[in-house]
Amino acid sequence: MNAHAQPHAMATAMDDGIAMGDTLMEVKNVSLRFGGVKAITDISFDVKKGEIRAIIGPNGAGKTSMLNVINGFYTPQEGTIVFRGEERRAMRPHHAVRQGIARTFQNVALFKGMTTLENIMAGRSVMMHRNILWQMLWRGPALDEEIAHREKVEEIIDFLEIEHIRRTPVGRLPYGLQKRVELGRALAMEPSLLLLDEPMAGMNLEEKEDMSRFILDVNQQRGTTIALIEHDMGVVMDLSDRVVVLDYGKKIADGTPDEVKTDQSVIDAYLGVAH
């Protein structure tokens, strides 16, 4: 594992009782079909606690389908996911969140009319325990809970250096900042596993550099394990501890960045060599 994967003492990821470097999640022989179309075929790999694990491959390789299986959007026809020692085939997305899996999306999925602060607060909703009546009254235990969650959100805003846009509706923000707000909303769920679906998509060089820095900080300073999909190979090789490569829904390589980039099957897949 690369040196950058050692988390800082201020780690805030969910305490799952799993030691650093041990298996946090395992994908076991997962296959997914849509009618007669095979999106994923017999894929297995694991994610170690504390690492940044990249999932890469050409367009149509099955990467996003794989993330959708992990966080419960899709149910595979074969295979299972083992997360924090619990094996399952099917899970609803809100159950995945409660177990400690958070997700960002390739296309920004924010409430455009709401402010940065409100969007990140929305990420805390799954952790709020007072019933709707208390929340409507906004007093007593509900007020105390709201204040506690607000403090967590303000910490995330400071961490991501977005204090200056905390009251700005996100629909007015440039794309790079919207992606950072979406990252903040995912962090508000305090995940032990953070899934990032093309976090650099559509960004210019400066925005990519900023996002890369924050991804590393999330991993190092907050102790969050990360699995990411990314097309920018420079970013993947710089950030990742290990890389799994998919092509046409099948795993063709798995190893360190150095091992993967010299693998002939990976080179052929990216050059479009006929199968």
Protein backbone atom coordinates (compact mmCIF):
# COMPACT_ATOMS: atom_id res chain seq x y z
CA MET A 1 0.00 0.00 0.00
CA ASN A 2 1.29 3.48 -0.82
CA ALA A 3 2.41 5.74 1.97
CA HIS A 4 -0.43 8.17 1.35
CA ALA A 5 -2.98 5.58 2.46
CA GLN A 6 -2.06 5.85 6.15
CA PRO A 7 -4.93 7.77 7.79
CA HIS A 8 -4.45 10.71 10.10
CA ALA A 9 -5.46 10.53 13.75
CA MET A 10 -8.50 12.75 13.13
CA ALA A 11 -10.15 9.94 11.14
CA THR A 12 -13.96 10.16 11.23
CA ALA A 13 -15.02 7.20 9.11
CA MET A 14 -17.45 4.78 10.69
CA ASP A 15 -15.77 2.51 13.27
CA ASP A 16 -16.30 -0.99 11.86
CA GLY A 17 -13.83 -2.90 14.01
CA ILE A 18 -11.76 -3.83 10.94
CA ALA A 19 -8.02 -3.23 11.13
CA MET A 20 -6.25 -1.05 8.58
CA GLY A 21 -5.18 -3.15 5.61
CA ASP A 22 -7.72 -5.90 6.26
CA THR A 23 -10.55 -6.61 3.82
CA LEU A 24 -13.42 -4.14 4.18
CA MET A 25 -15.41 -5.30 1.14
CA GLU A 26 -15.23 -8.30 -1.15
CA VAL A 27 -16.96 -8.74 -4.49
CA LYS A 28 -17.44 -12.47 -5.07
CA ASN A 29 -18.20 -13.86 -8.55
CA VAL A 30 -20.73 -11.15 -9.40
CA SER A 31 -22.63 -11.34 -12.68
CA LEU A 32 -25.27 -8.86 -13.84
CA ARG A 33 -27.49 -9.09 -16.92
CA PHE A 34 -30.12 -6.84 -18.46
CA GLY A 35 -32.23 -9.16 -20.56
CA GLY A 36 -29.73 -10.83 -22.87
CA VAL A 37 -27.04 -8.20 -22.31
CA LYS A 38 -24.22 -9.15 -19.94
CA ALA A 39 -23.09 -6.03 -18.08
CA ILE A 40 -20.79 -7.87 -15.63
CA THR A 41 -19.53 -11.45 -15.84
CA ASP A 42 -18.09 -13.35 -12.85
CA ILE A 43 -16.14 -10.46 -11.33
CA SER A 44 -14.27 -10.81 -8.03
CA PHE A 45 -12.04 -8.33 -6.21
CA ASP A 46 -11.63 -6.86 -2.75
CA VAL A 47 -11.13 -3.47 -1.12
CA LYS A 48 -8.79 -3.14 1.87
CA LYS A 49 -9.57 -0.75 4.69
CA GLY A 50 -7.64 2.50 4.28
CA GLU A 51 -6.80 2.19 0.60
CA ILE A 52 -7.81 4.02 -2.55
CA ARG A 53 -9.01 1.33 -4.97
CA ALA A 54 -9.54 2.30 -8.60
CA ILE A 55 -11.90 0.55 -11.01
CA ILE A 56 -10.95 1.39 -14.59
CA GLY A 57 -11.65 0.28 -18.13
CA PRO A 58 -12.79 1.56 -21.54
CA ASN A 59 -16.31 2.88 -22.07
CA GLY A 60 -18.90 0.13 -21.67
CA ALA A 61 -16.60 -1.99 -19.50
CA GLY A 62 -19.17 -2.30 -16.69
CA LYS A 63 -17.59 0.05 -14.15
CA THR A 64 -20.67 2.05 -13.16
CA SER A 65 -22.77 -1.13 -13.15
CA MET A 66 -20.30 -2.51 -10.63
CA LEU A 67 -20.71 0.52 -8.36
CA ASN A 68 -24.48 0.22 -8.71
CA VAL A 69 -24.28 -3.39 -7.48
CA ILE A 70 -22.10 -2.41 -4.52
CA ASN A 71 -24.47 0.27 -3.24
CA GLY A 72 -27.69 -1.56 -3.99
CA PHE A 73 -29.06 0.09 -7.14
CA TYR A 74 -28.75 -3.21 -9.00
CA THR A 75 -29.17 -6.77 -7.75
CA PRO A 76 -26.82 -9.24 -9.48
CA GLN A 77 -28.16 -12.52 -10.81
CA GLU A 78 -25.10 -14.34 -9.46
CA GLY A 79 -22.53 -13.62 -6.79
CA THR A 80 -22.47 -11.72 -3.53
CA ILE A 81 -20.99 -8.66 -1.85
CA VAL A 82 -19.36 -9.05 1.58
CA PHE A 83 -19.17 -5.71 3.40
CA ARG A 84 -17.81 -5.45 6.94
CA GLY A 85 -18.21 -9.20 7.29
CA GLU A 86 -21.86 -9.31 6.18
CA GLU A 87 -22.62 -11.23 2.98
CA ARG A 88 -25.56 -10.24 0.80
CA ARG A 89 -26.78 -10.26 -2.77
CA ALA A 90 -29.44 -7.56 -2.64
CA MET A 91 -29.52 -4.28 -0.71
CA ARG A 92 -31.56 -1.13 -1.09
CA PRO A 93 -29.46 2.06 -1.47
CA HIS A 94 -30.68 3.50 1.84
CA HIS A 95 -29.61 0.30 3.60
CA ALA A 96 -26.18 0.66 2.01
CA VAL A 97 -25.94 4.20 3.40
CA ARG A 98 -26.88 2.98 6.87
CA GLN A 99 -24.19 0.31 6.64
CA GLY A 100 -21.56 2.92 5.80
CA ILE A 101 -21.44 3.16 2.00
CA ALA A 102 -21.78 6.63 0.41
CA ARG A 103 -21.71 7.55 -3.26
CA THR A 104 -21.13 10.41 -5.66
CA PHE A 105 -22.29 10.30 -9.27
CA GLN A 106 -20.77 10.88 -12.71
CA ASN A 107 -23.37 13.59 -13.34
CA VAL A 108 -23.75 15.92 -10.36
CA ALA A 109 -26.86 14.98 -8.37
CA LEU A 110 -27.51 17.97 -6.13
CA PHE A 111 -30.58 20.02 -5.17
CA LYS A 112 -29.80 22.98 -7.42
CA GLY A 113 -32.12 25.45 -5.67
CA MET A 114 -30.69 24.68 -2.23
CA THR A 115 -27.52 26.19 -0.79
CA THR A 116 -24.23 24.41 -0.27
CA LEU A 117 -24.98 24.17 3.44
CA GLU A 118 -28.45 22.75 2.85
CA ASN A 119 -27.19 20.17 0.35
CA ILE A 120 -24.53 18.90 2.74
CA MET A 121 -27.05 18.88 5.61
CA ALA A 122 -29.20 16.61 3.45
CA GLY A 123 -26.43 14.04 3.75
CA ARG A 124 -26.98 13.98 7.52
CA SER A 125 -30.67 13.10 7.25
CA VAL A 126 -30.01 9.36 7.45
CA MET A 127 -28.36 9.95 10.84
CA MET A 128 -31.19 11.98 12.38
CA HIS A 129 -33.24 10.00 14.90
CA ARG A 130 -35.94 12.37 16.17
CA ASN A 131 -39.37 11.86 14.66
CA ILE A 132 -41.05 14.29 12.30
CA LEU A 133 -43.12 15.90 15.08
CA TRP A 134 -40.04 16.89 17.05
CA GLN A 135 -38.41 18.18 13.88
CA MET A 136 -41.45 20.30 13.05
CA LEU A 137 -41.39 21.82 16.54
CA TRP A 138 -37.63 22.44 16.22
CA ARG A 139 -37.11 22.51 19.96
CA GLY A 140 -35.86 20.28 22.75
CA PRO A 141 -34.16 17.07 21.55
CA ALA A 142 -34.74 17.89 17.88
CA LEU A 143 -33.03 21.27 18.24
CA ASP A 144 -30.09 19.68 20.06
CA GLU A 145 -29.79 17.08 17.31
CA GLU A 146 -29.97 19.73 14.58
CA ILE A 147 -27.18 21.74 16.23
CA ALA A 148 -24.95 18.68 16.56
CA HIS A 149 -25.42 17.76 12.89
CA ARG A 150 -24.87 21.37 11.85
CA GLU A 151 -21.50 21.34 13.62
CA LYS A 152 -20.47 18.25 11.62
CA VAL A 153 -21.50 19.93 8.38
CA GLU A 154 -19.58 23.11 9.21
CA GLU A 155 -16.49 20.97 9.83
CA ILE A 156 -16.88 19.41 6.35
CA ILE A 157 -17.34 22.85 4.77
CA ASP A 158 -14.08 24.01 6.39
CA PHE A 159 -12.32 20.78 5.37
CA LEU A 160 -13.30 21.23 1.70
CA GLU A 161 -12.50 24.97 1.77
CA ILE A 162 -15.95 26.05 0.59
CA GLU A 163 -16.84 28.51 3.37
CA HIS A 164 -17.25 31.28 0.79
CA ILE A 165 -20.12 29.45 -0.97
CA ARG A 166 -21.91 28.00 2.05
CA ARG A 167 -24.99 30.21 1.47
CA THR A 168 -24.90 30.08 -2.34
CA PRO A 169 -27.50 28.00 -4.23
CA VAL A 170 -25.48 25.23 -5.86
CA GLY A 171 -27.14 25.83 -9.24
CA ARG A 172 -25.15 29.09 -9.45
CA LEU A 173 -21.79 27.41 -8.79
CA PRO A 174 -19.21 26.41 -11.40
CA TYR A 175 -19.05 22.70 -12.14
CA GLY A 176 -15.88 22.01 -10.16
CA LEU A 177 -17.36 23.48 -6.98
CA GLN A 178 -20.60 21.55 -7.49
CA LYS A 179 -18.55 18.36 -7.55
CA ARG A 180 -16.89 19.41 -4.31
CA VAL A 181 -20.28 20.06 -2.69
CA GLU A 182 -21.42 16.59 -3.77
CA LEU A 183 -18.30 15.15 -2.16
CA GLY A 184 -19.20 17.06 0.99
CA ARG A 185 -22.70 15.62 1.03
CA ALA A 186 -21.27 12.10 0.77
CA LEU A 187 -18.80 12.82 3.59
CA ALA A 188 -21.69 14.03 5.75
CA MET A 189 -22.88 10.41 5.86
CA GLU A 190 -19.58 9.50 7.60
CA PRO A 191 -18.99 6.49 5.32
CA SER A 192 -16.46 3.75 5.92
CA LEU A 193 -16.51 3.17 2.14
CA LEU A 194 -16.84 6.09 -0.28
CA LEU A 195 -17.70 5.32 -3.93
CA LEU A 196 -16.68 8.02 -6.41
CA ASP A 197 -18.03 7.73 -9.94
CA GLU A 198 -15.73 9.74 -12.23
CA PRO A 199 -15.00 12.54 -9.75
CA MET A 200 -12.86 14.39 -12.35
CA ALA A 201 -15.31 14.18 -15.27
CA GLY A 202 -15.73 17.49 -17.08
CA MET A 203 -13.09 19.31 -15.02
CA ASN A 204 -10.24 21.48 -16.20
CA LEU A 205 -6.67 20.84 -15.02
CA GLU A 206 -6.87 23.17 -12.00
CA GLU A 207 -10.16 21.63 -10.85
CA LYS A 208 -8.70 18.12 -11.22
CA GLU A 209 -5.71 19.09 -9.10
CA ASP A 210 -8.01 20.45 -6.38
CA MET A 211 -10.24 17.37 -6.42
CA SER A 212 -7.21 15.04 -6.32
CA ARG A 213 -5.93 16.86 -3.25
CA PHE A 214 -9.27 16.56 -1.47
CA ILE A 215 -9.61 12.86 -2.32
CA LEU A 216 -6.18 12.23 -0.79
CA ASP A 217 -7.12 14.32 2.26
CA VAL A 218 -10.36 12.38 2.71
CA ASN A 219 -8.37 9.16 2.64
CA GLN A 220 -5.46 10.29 4.82
CA GLN A 221 -7.02 12.70 7.28
CA ARG A 222 -10.50 11.24 7.66
CA GLY A 223 -9.50 7.59 7.37
CA THR A 224 -12.06 6.89 4.64
CA THR A 225 -11.62 3.93 2.31
CA ILE A 226 -12.30 4.94 -1.30
CA ALA A 227 -13.28 3.03 -4.43
CA LEU A 228 -13.32 5.22 -7.52
CA ILE A 229 -14.01 5.06 -11.23
CA GLU A 230 -11.91 7.46 -13.29
CA HIS A 231 -10.92 7.81 -16.96
CA ASP A 232 -7.92 10.07 -16.38
CA MET A 233 -5.10 7.52 -16.15
CA GLY A 234 -2.68 10.07 -14.74
CA VAL A 235 -5.05 10.66 -11.83
CA VAL A 236 -5.59 6.93 -11.33
CA MET A 237 -1.89 6.14 -11.25
CA ASP A 238 -1.15 9.02 -8.86
CA LEU A 239 -3.99 8.38 -6.38
CA SER A 240 -4.55 4.64 -6.28
CA ASP A 241 -3.02 1.93 -4.12
CA ARG A 242 -4.47 -0.84 -6.30
CA VAL A 243 -6.35 -0.96 -9.59
CA VAL A 244 -8.86 -3.46 -10.99
CA VAL A 245 -9.40 -3.31 -14.76
CA LEU A 246 -12.63 -4.28 -16.50
CA ASP A 247 -13.25 -4.78 -20.21
CA TYR A 248 -16.55 -5.86 -21.76
CA GLY A 249 -17.86 -6.69 -18.28
CA LYS A 250 -14.97 -8.99 -17.36
CA LYS A 251 -11.96 -8.48 -15.10
CA ILE A 252 -8.76 -8.50 -17.13
CA ALA A 253 -6.22 -7.25 -14.57
CA ASP A 254 -5.81 -6.49 -10.87
CA GLY A 255 -2.77 -5.10 -9.09
CA THR A 256 -0.73 -2.03 -8.26
CA PRO A 257 -0.71 0.90 -10.71
CA ASP A 258 2.74 -0.11 -11.95
CA GLU A 259 1.65 -3.70 -12.51
CA VAL A 260 -1.53 -2.73 -14.31
CA LYS A 261 -0.07 -0.14 -16.67
CA THR A 262 2.44 -2.67 -18.01
CA ASP A 263 -0.11 -5.51 -18.36
CA GLN A 264 -0.46 -6.38 -22.05
CA SER A 265 -4.19 -7.16 -21.78
CA VAL A 266 -4.76 -3.69 -20.33
CA ILE A 267 -2.69 -2.05 -23.05
CA ASP A 268 -4.65 -3.96 -25.70
CA ALA A 269 -8.02 -2.97 -24.17
CA TYR A 270 -7.18 0.73 -24.17
CA LEU A 271 -5.70 0.61 -27.68
CA GLY A 272 -8.82 -1.12 -28.98
CA VAL A 273 -7.09 -4.34 -30.05
CA ALA A 274 -9.67 -6.84 -31.33
CA HIS A 275 -10.84 -9.46 -28.87
